Amino acid sequence: MPDRINEAILRHLRHDGRLSNAELAERIGLSPSACLRRVKMLEKEGVIRGYQAIIARRNAPPVATVIVQITLERQTEECLRRFESRIRECPDVKECYLMTGDADYLLRVEARDMQDYERIHKEELSRMPGVVRIQSNFAIRPVVQQEKAQTGG
């Protein structure tokens, strides 16, 4: 469980991941060496998993966001493990969630266009172990996109 200083570090880095160590240390009231030790510890423990740039869609190459529901033939531990192992190898799948309800998994897939998604569907998704149903929904436009990651969980 992060203490108050670690929570402050995470809050500042979540807001601006490009802060220099000196700036971060000044903002939270630590020496630069103590601040760096804490950041390195948070990285080592996997609390901070990485840093990324958030690209404005208008400046990025066009991409289709596809929300895909996957249903497996069975929900045994072995079936879930095999599917999850394979889906992690799929570079076009940006997010994958084990779900309750009608579908077993919900995926967020990014494709260049409809032809690219057809390739992803045929060559990747339909060949996943245990898949019996694939339902694809194309996003028209984003309404809410929370870019900043949350601390915890």
Protein backbone atom coordinates (compact mmCIF):
# COMPACT_ATOMS: atom_id res chain seq x y z
CA MET A 1 0.00 0.00 0.00
CA PRO A 2 1.57 3.29 -1.04
CA ASP A 3 2.24 5.86 1.69
CA ARG A 4 1.37 9.56 1.34
CA ILE A 5 4.67 10.46 -0.34
CA ASN A 6 4.34 7.63 -2.85
CA GLU A 7 0.75 8.69 -3.51
CA ALA A 8 2.00 12.23 -4.19
CA ILE A 9 4.66 10.89 -6.56
CA LEU A 10 2.04 8.86 -8.42
CA ARG A 11 -0.38 11.79 -8.58
CA HIS A 12 2.26 14.11 -10.07
CA LEU A 13 3.58 11.53 -12.55
CA ARG A 14 0.05 10.63 -13.61
CA HIS A 15 -0.54 14.29 -14.40
CA ASP A 16 2.85 14.78 -16.11
CA GLY A 17 5.01 11.71 -16.72
CA ARG A 18 7.77 13.89 -18.18
CA LEU A 19 8.54 15.71 -14.94
CA SER A 20 12.24 15.70 -14.21
CA ASN A 21 13.29 14.07 -10.97
CA ALA A 22 14.39 17.48 -9.64
CA GLU A 23 10.98 19.04 -10.40
CA LEU A 24 9.15 16.07 -8.89
CA ALA A 25 11.30 16.15 -5.75
CA GLU A 26 10.67 19.87 -5.30
CA ARG A 27 6.91 19.47 -5.69
CA ILE A 28 6.65 16.73 -3.07
CA GLY A 29 9.26 18.12 -0.67
CA LEU A 30 11.96 15.44 -0.93
CA SER A 31 15.60 15.55 -1.87
CA PRO A 32 16.22 14.50 -5.48
CA SER A 33 18.06 11.34 -4.36
CA ALA A 34 15.25 10.26 -2.01
CA CYS A 35 12.68 10.98 -4.70
CA LEU A 36 14.59 8.96 -7.29
CA ARG A 37 14.89 6.01 -4.88
CA ARG A 38 11.13 6.02 -4.37
CA VAL A 39 10.37 6.26 -8.09
CA LYS A 40 12.78 3.39 -8.83
CA MET A 41 11.16 1.32 -6.06
CA LEU A 42 7.67 2.00 -7.47
CA GLU A 43 8.91 0.93 -10.91
CA LYS A 44 10.58 -2.21 -9.55
CA GLU A 45 7.43 -3.20 -7.62
CA GLY A 46 5.33 -2.76 -10.76
CA VAL A 47 3.27 0.10 -9.35
CA ILE A 48 4.64 2.27 -12.16
CA ARG A 49 4.50 -0.01 -15.19
CA GLY A 50 5.75 2.47 -17.77
CA TYR A 51 5.39 5.88 -19.35
CA GLN A 52 3.63 6.70 -22.59
CA ALA A 53 2.77 9.55 -24.91
CA ILE A 54 -0.90 10.31 -25.50
CA ILE A 55 -1.32 11.09 -29.19
CA ALA A 56 -4.19 13.31 -30.33
CA ARG A 57 -6.34 11.33 -32.77
CA ARG A 58 -6.34 14.19 -35.25
CA ASN A 59 -2.53 13.94 -35.51
CA ALA A 60 -2.32 10.15 -35.63
CA PRO A 61 -2.89 7.87 -38.62
CA PRO A 62 -6.57 7.00 -39.00
CA VAL A 63 -7.61 3.96 -37.01
CA ALA A 64 -10.87 2.11 -36.53
CA THR A 65 -11.71 1.16 -32.96
CA VAL A 66 -13.60 -2.12 -32.80
CA ILE A 67 -15.22 -3.42 -29.63
CA VAL A 68 -15.35 -7.20 -29.91
CA GLN A 69 -17.30 -9.64 -27.76
CA ILE A 70 -15.88 -13.17 -27.64
CA THR A 71 -17.76 -16.24 -26.45
CA LEU A 72 -15.88 -19.45 -25.71
CA GLU A 73 -17.22 -22.98 -25.99
CA ARG A 74 -16.49 -23.58 -22.29
CA GLN A 75 -15.38 -21.54 -19.30
CA THR A 76 -13.07 -24.08 -17.77
CA GLU A 77 -9.83 -22.85 -16.28
CA GLU A 78 -7.89 -24.54 -19.08
CA CYS A 79 -10.02 -22.90 -21.84
CA LEU A 80 -9.65 -19.47 -20.26
CA ARG A 81 -5.90 -19.90 -19.78
CA ARG A 82 -5.37 -21.02 -23.41
CA PHE A 83 -7.42 -18.14 -24.81
CA GLU A 84 -5.73 -15.53 -22.60
CA SER A 85 -2.29 -16.83 -23.48
CA ARG A 86 -3.00 -16.50 -27.22
CA ILE A 87 -4.82 -13.15 -27.07
CA ARG A 88 -1.78 -11.58 -25.36
CA GLU A 89 0.22 -12.37 -28.52
CA CYS A 90 -2.21 -10.43 -30.73
CA PRO A 91 -0.71 -6.95 -31.39
CA ASP A 92 -3.97 -5.50 -32.73
CA VAL A 93 -5.79 -6.26 -29.46
CA LYS A 94 -5.16 -3.24 -27.25
CA GLU A 95 -7.31 -4.30 -24.29
CA CYS A 96 -8.95 -7.55 -23.21
CA TYR A 97 -11.31 -8.06 -20.26
CA LEU A 98 -12.79 -11.23 -18.78
CA MET A 99 -16.48 -10.43 -18.39
CA THR A 100 -19.66 -11.50 -16.68
CA GLY A 101 -22.81 -11.69 -18.80
CA ASP A 102 -23.39 -13.13 -22.27
CA ALA A 103 -19.87 -12.71 -23.67
CA ASP A 104 -16.82 -14.19 -21.98
CA TYR A 105 -14.37 -11.50 -23.13
CA LEU A 106 -14.56 -7.91 -24.31
CA LEU A 107 -11.72 -6.69 -26.56
CA ARG A 108 -10.70 -3.30 -27.88
CA VAL A 109 -9.11 -3.83 -31.27
CA GLU A 110 -7.50 -1.19 -33.47
CA ALA A 111 -7.50 -1.65 -37.25
CA ARG A 112 -6.41 0.64 -40.07
CA ASP A 113 -9.67 0.09 -41.95
CA MET A 114 -12.38 -2.50 -42.65
CA GLN A 115 -10.06 -4.63 -44.78
CA ASP A 116 -7.49 -4.70 -41.98
CA TYR A 117 -10.18 -5.72 -39.47
CA GLU A 118 -11.29 -8.51 -41.80
CA ARG A 119 -7.70 -9.80 -41.70
CA ILE A 120 -7.61 -9.55 -37.89
CA HIS A 121 -10.96 -11.37 -37.67
CA LYS A 122 -9.99 -14.18 -40.07
CA GLU A 123 -6.33 -14.66 -39.20
CA GLU A 124 -6.29 -13.91 -35.49
CA LEU A 125 -9.61 -13.84 -33.65
CA SER A 126 -11.38 -16.73 -35.37
CA ARG A 127 -8.31 -18.93 -34.86
CA MET A 128 -8.19 -18.40 -31.11
CA PRO A 129 -8.66 -21.61 -29.13
CA GLY A 130 -12.21 -22.29 -27.97
CA VAL A 131 -13.89 -19.33 -29.71
CA VAL A 132 -17.46 -20.09 -30.81
CA ARG A 133 -18.82 -16.57 -31.31
CA ILE A 134 -17.35 -13.21 -32.30
CA GLN A 135 -19.49 -10.06 -32.28
CA SER A 136 -17.83 -6.92 -33.62
CA ASN A 137 -18.99 -3.34 -33.05
CA PHE A 138 -17.28 -0.39 -34.75
CA ALA A 139 -16.98 2.82 -32.76
CA ILE A 140 -18.30 5.90 -34.55
CA ARG A 141 -16.46 8.41 -32.36
CA PRO A 142 -15.22 8.71 -28.79
CA VAL A 143 -17.51 10.48 -26.34
CA VAL A 144 -15.42 10.15 -23.16
CA GLN A 145 -11.74 9.23 -23.04
CA GLN A 146 -10.09 9.46 -19.66
CA GLU A 147 -6.42 9.70 -20.67
CA LYS A 148 -4.90 9.86 -17.21
CA ALA A 149 -4.43 6.49 -15.51
CA GLN A 150 -5.83 6.00 -12.04
CA THR A 151 -3.67 5.08 -9.06
CA GLY A 152 -4.35 1.82 -7.31
CA GLY A 153 -5.80 -1.49 -8.55
